[in-house]
Amino acid sequence: MAGFLSSSKISKIDALYDRLHETFAQTITVYKSAKKTLIAHNPKYNAIYGRTQTGKDDSVSYEVIPKTFDARIYYIKTEEELLNNYKTQTKTIIPKGNVKVIVRKDGFDYLQESRRVEFDGRMFTIKTDGSPYGLTGNLFYTFYLDPLDEAKE
């Protein structure tokens, strides 16, 4: 955008995007895949099959790695948003309860390697890769989430 916007205007636009994000962002908890820890206290443990000779898998423990981020959350209304493609005959059905979240770069890096997201007392699974979002650069990233029907422990 050289020539059209000066660097001071670009920084003002970026500051407005940041203010928008800070104003409407909610805290989400992102769960990475469980960290697998092998406890080698049994000499008959087979690491390839993940079990001992008797069939027990006591030597493996899983640790869930949660982290919180600020994100703008948009609940998708299926009657209003049919993937912004009204000229095609293909009707894409979006399940009820889908959500669009917008995060900063640090959230994007963590969400790329994650599976589940929790906010508003509900769990969601990540369905898309993050797509960049911003007027002057890739300031934010958009993800689409599907609701999960699992009970909290």
Protein backbone atom coordinates (compact mmCIF):
# COMPACT_ATOMS: atom_id res chain seq x y z
CA MET A 1 0.00 0.00 0.00
CA ALA A 2 2.91 2.30 -0.59
CA GLY A 3 1.74 5.75 -1.51
CA PHE A 4 -1.93 5.38 -0.65
CA LEU A 5 -1.65 5.26 3.13
CA SER A 6 1.15 6.86 5.08
CA SER A 7 2.81 4.94 7.89
CA SER A 8 1.08 7.15 10.49
CA LYS A 9 -2.34 6.34 9.01
CA ILE A 10 -1.50 2.64 8.94
CA SER A 11 -0.52 2.76 12.61
CA LYS A 12 -3.79 4.60 13.43
CA ILE A 13 -5.81 1.95 11.58
CA ASP A 14 -3.92 -0.81 13.42
CA ALA A 15 -4.59 0.96 16.73
CA LEU A 16 -8.32 1.09 15.91
CA TYR A 17 -8.34 -2.63 15.14
CA ASP A 18 -6.56 -3.27 18.45
CA ARG A 19 -9.09 -1.15 20.33
CA LEU A 20 -11.96 -3.00 18.64
CA HIS A 21 -10.42 -6.31 19.64
CA GLU A 22 -9.76 -5.24 23.25
CA THR A 23 -13.29 -3.88 23.61
CA PHE A 24 -15.20 -6.92 22.37
CA ALA A 25 -12.81 -9.78 23.12
CA GLN A 26 -13.72 -12.58 25.51
CA THR A 27 -11.39 -15.04 27.16
CA ILE A 28 -11.31 -18.46 25.54
CA THR A 29 -9.50 -21.57 26.77
CA VAL A 30 -7.71 -23.56 24.10
CA TYR A 31 -6.76 -27.20 24.70
CA LYS A 32 -3.80 -28.62 22.86
CA SER A 33 -3.52 -32.32 22.22
CA ALA A 34 -2.68 -34.19 25.38
CA LYS A 35 0.98 -34.45 26.26
CA LYS A 36 1.93 -38.12 26.51
CA THR A 37 4.32 -39.00 29.33
CA LEU A 38 5.85 -42.46 29.50
CA ILE A 39 6.57 -43.76 32.97
CA ALA A 40 9.13 -46.51 32.56
CA HIS A 41 8.82 -48.19 35.95
CA ASN A 42 7.86 -51.56 34.48
CA PRO A 43 10.61 -53.46 32.63
CA LYS A 44 7.98 -55.39 30.63
CA TYR A 45 6.45 -52.21 29.15
CA ASN A 46 6.42 -52.21 25.36
CA ALA A 47 6.59 -48.62 24.07
CA ILE A 48 5.59 -49.63 20.54
CA TYR A 49 2.23 -51.08 21.58
CA GLY A 50 1.81 -48.90 24.65
CA ARG A 51 1.09 -51.85 26.93
CA THR A 52 2.74 -54.39 29.18
CA GLN A 53 2.66 -58.13 28.50
CA THR A 54 -0.46 -58.43 30.63
CA GLY A 55 -2.30 -55.80 28.59
CA LYS A 56 -2.23 -52.97 31.10
CA ASP A 57 -1.36 -49.46 29.99
CA ASP A 58 -0.62 -48.00 33.45
CA SER A 59 2.74 -46.68 32.31
CA VAL A 60 1.30 -43.86 30.21
CA SER A 61 -0.17 -40.64 31.56
CA TYR A 62 -1.79 -37.89 29.51
CA GLU A 63 -1.66 -34.25 30.47
CA VAL A 64 -4.01 -31.74 28.83
CA ILE A 65 -2.32 -28.43 28.08
CA PRO A 66 -4.79 -25.49 28.35
CA LYS A 67 -4.00 -21.86 27.58
CA THR A 68 -6.21 -18.76 27.54
CA PHE A 69 -6.43 -16.09 24.83
CA ASP A 70 -8.58 -13.09 24.04
CA ALA A 71 -10.84 -13.62 21.04
CA ARG A 72 -13.81 -11.95 19.41
CA ILE A 73 -16.63 -14.45 19.19
CA TYR A 74 -19.37 -14.34 16.56
CA TYR A 75 -22.22 -16.85 16.67
CA ILE A 76 -23.16 -17.72 13.10
CA LYS A 77 -26.83 -17.39 12.22
CA THR A 78 -27.40 -20.01 9.54
CA GLU A 79 -30.34 -18.18 8.01
CA GLU A 80 -28.19 -15.08 7.45
CA GLU A 81 -24.87 -16.55 6.44
CA LEU A 82 -24.75 -19.24 3.77
CA LEU A 83 -21.01 -18.91 3.21
CA ASN A 84 -21.49 -15.56 1.42
CA ASN A 85 -22.15 -17.26 -1.91
CA TYR A 86 -25.69 -16.48 -2.96
CA LYS A 87 -25.18 -16.98 -6.72
CA THR A 88 -24.54 -20.72 -6.65
CA GLN A 89 -27.15 -23.44 -6.59
CA THR A 90 -25.23 -25.47 -4.04
CA LYS A 91 -26.78 -25.05 -0.63
CA THR A 92 -24.25 -25.50 2.14
CA ILE A 93 -25.86 -26.38 5.42
CA ILE A 94 -24.03 -25.07 8.45
CA PRO A 95 -24.85 -26.86 11.71
CA LYS A 96 -26.63 -24.78 14.31
CA GLY A 97 -24.32 -23.40 16.96
CA ASN A 98 -21.25 -22.82 14.79
CA VAL A 99 -18.98 -20.01 15.87
CA LYS A 100 -16.43 -17.74 14.24
CA VAL A 101 -13.55 -16.58 16.46
CA ILE A 102 -10.96 -13.94 15.67
CA VAL A 103 -7.63 -14.09 17.51
CA ARG A 104 -4.26 -12.36 17.39
CA LYS A 105 -1.04 -13.94 16.14
CA ASP A 106 -0.17 -15.64 19.46
CA GLY A 107 -3.60 -17.28 19.57
CA PHE A 108 -3.25 -18.30 15.93
CA ASP A 109 0.04 -20.08 16.59
CA TYR A 110 -1.46 -22.02 19.50
CA LEU A 111 -4.78 -22.81 17.77
CA GLN A 112 -2.95 -24.29 14.77
CA GLU A 113 -1.79 -27.17 16.98
CA SER A 114 -4.94 -27.49 19.10
CA ARG A 115 -8.13 -29.50 18.93
CA ARG A 116 -10.68 -27.99 21.29
CA VAL A 117 -11.77 -24.55 22.48
CA GLU A 118 -13.94 -23.70 25.48
CA PHE A 119 -15.91 -20.53 26.21
CA ASP A 120 -19.35 -19.62 27.52
CA GLY A 121 -19.42 -23.00 29.29
CA ARG A 122 -19.36 -24.97 26.02
CA MET A 123 -16.75 -26.98 24.14
CA PHE A 124 -16.01 -26.55 20.44
CA THR A 125 -13.79 -28.28 17.92
CA ILE A 126 -11.71 -26.38 15.39
CA LYS A 127 -12.92 -26.97 11.82
CA THR A 128 -10.81 -24.62 9.69
CA ASP A 129 -7.29 -23.39 9.42
CA GLY A 130 -6.81 -19.79 10.45
CA SER A 131 -7.32 -17.29 7.67
CA PRO A 132 -5.59 -13.90 7.97
CA TYR A 133 -7.72 -10.85 8.63
CA GLY A 134 -6.86 -7.15 8.61
CA LEU A 135 -6.85 -4.08 6.41
CA THR A 136 -3.17 -3.14 6.57
CA GLY A 137 -1.66 -6.53 7.38
CA ASN A 138 -2.32 -9.88 8.98
CA LEU A 139 -3.20 -8.57 12.43
CA PHE A 140 -5.86 -11.16 13.26
CA TYR A 141 -6.83 -14.68 12.21
CA THR A 142 -10.29 -16.20 11.81
CA PHE A 143 -11.25 -19.74 12.79
CA TYR A 144 -14.59 -21.52 12.48
CA LEU A 145 -15.65 -23.85 15.29
CA ASP A 146 -18.26 -26.60 15.59
CA PRO A 147 -20.01 -27.28 18.93
CA LEU A 148 -19.30 -30.52 20.74
CA ASP A 149 -21.89 -32.43 22.72
CA GLU A 150 -19.69 -33.58 25.55
CA ALA A 151 -20.24 -33.16 29.24
CA LYS A 152 -17.73 -31.32 31.35
CA GLU A 153 -15.93 -33.46 33.89
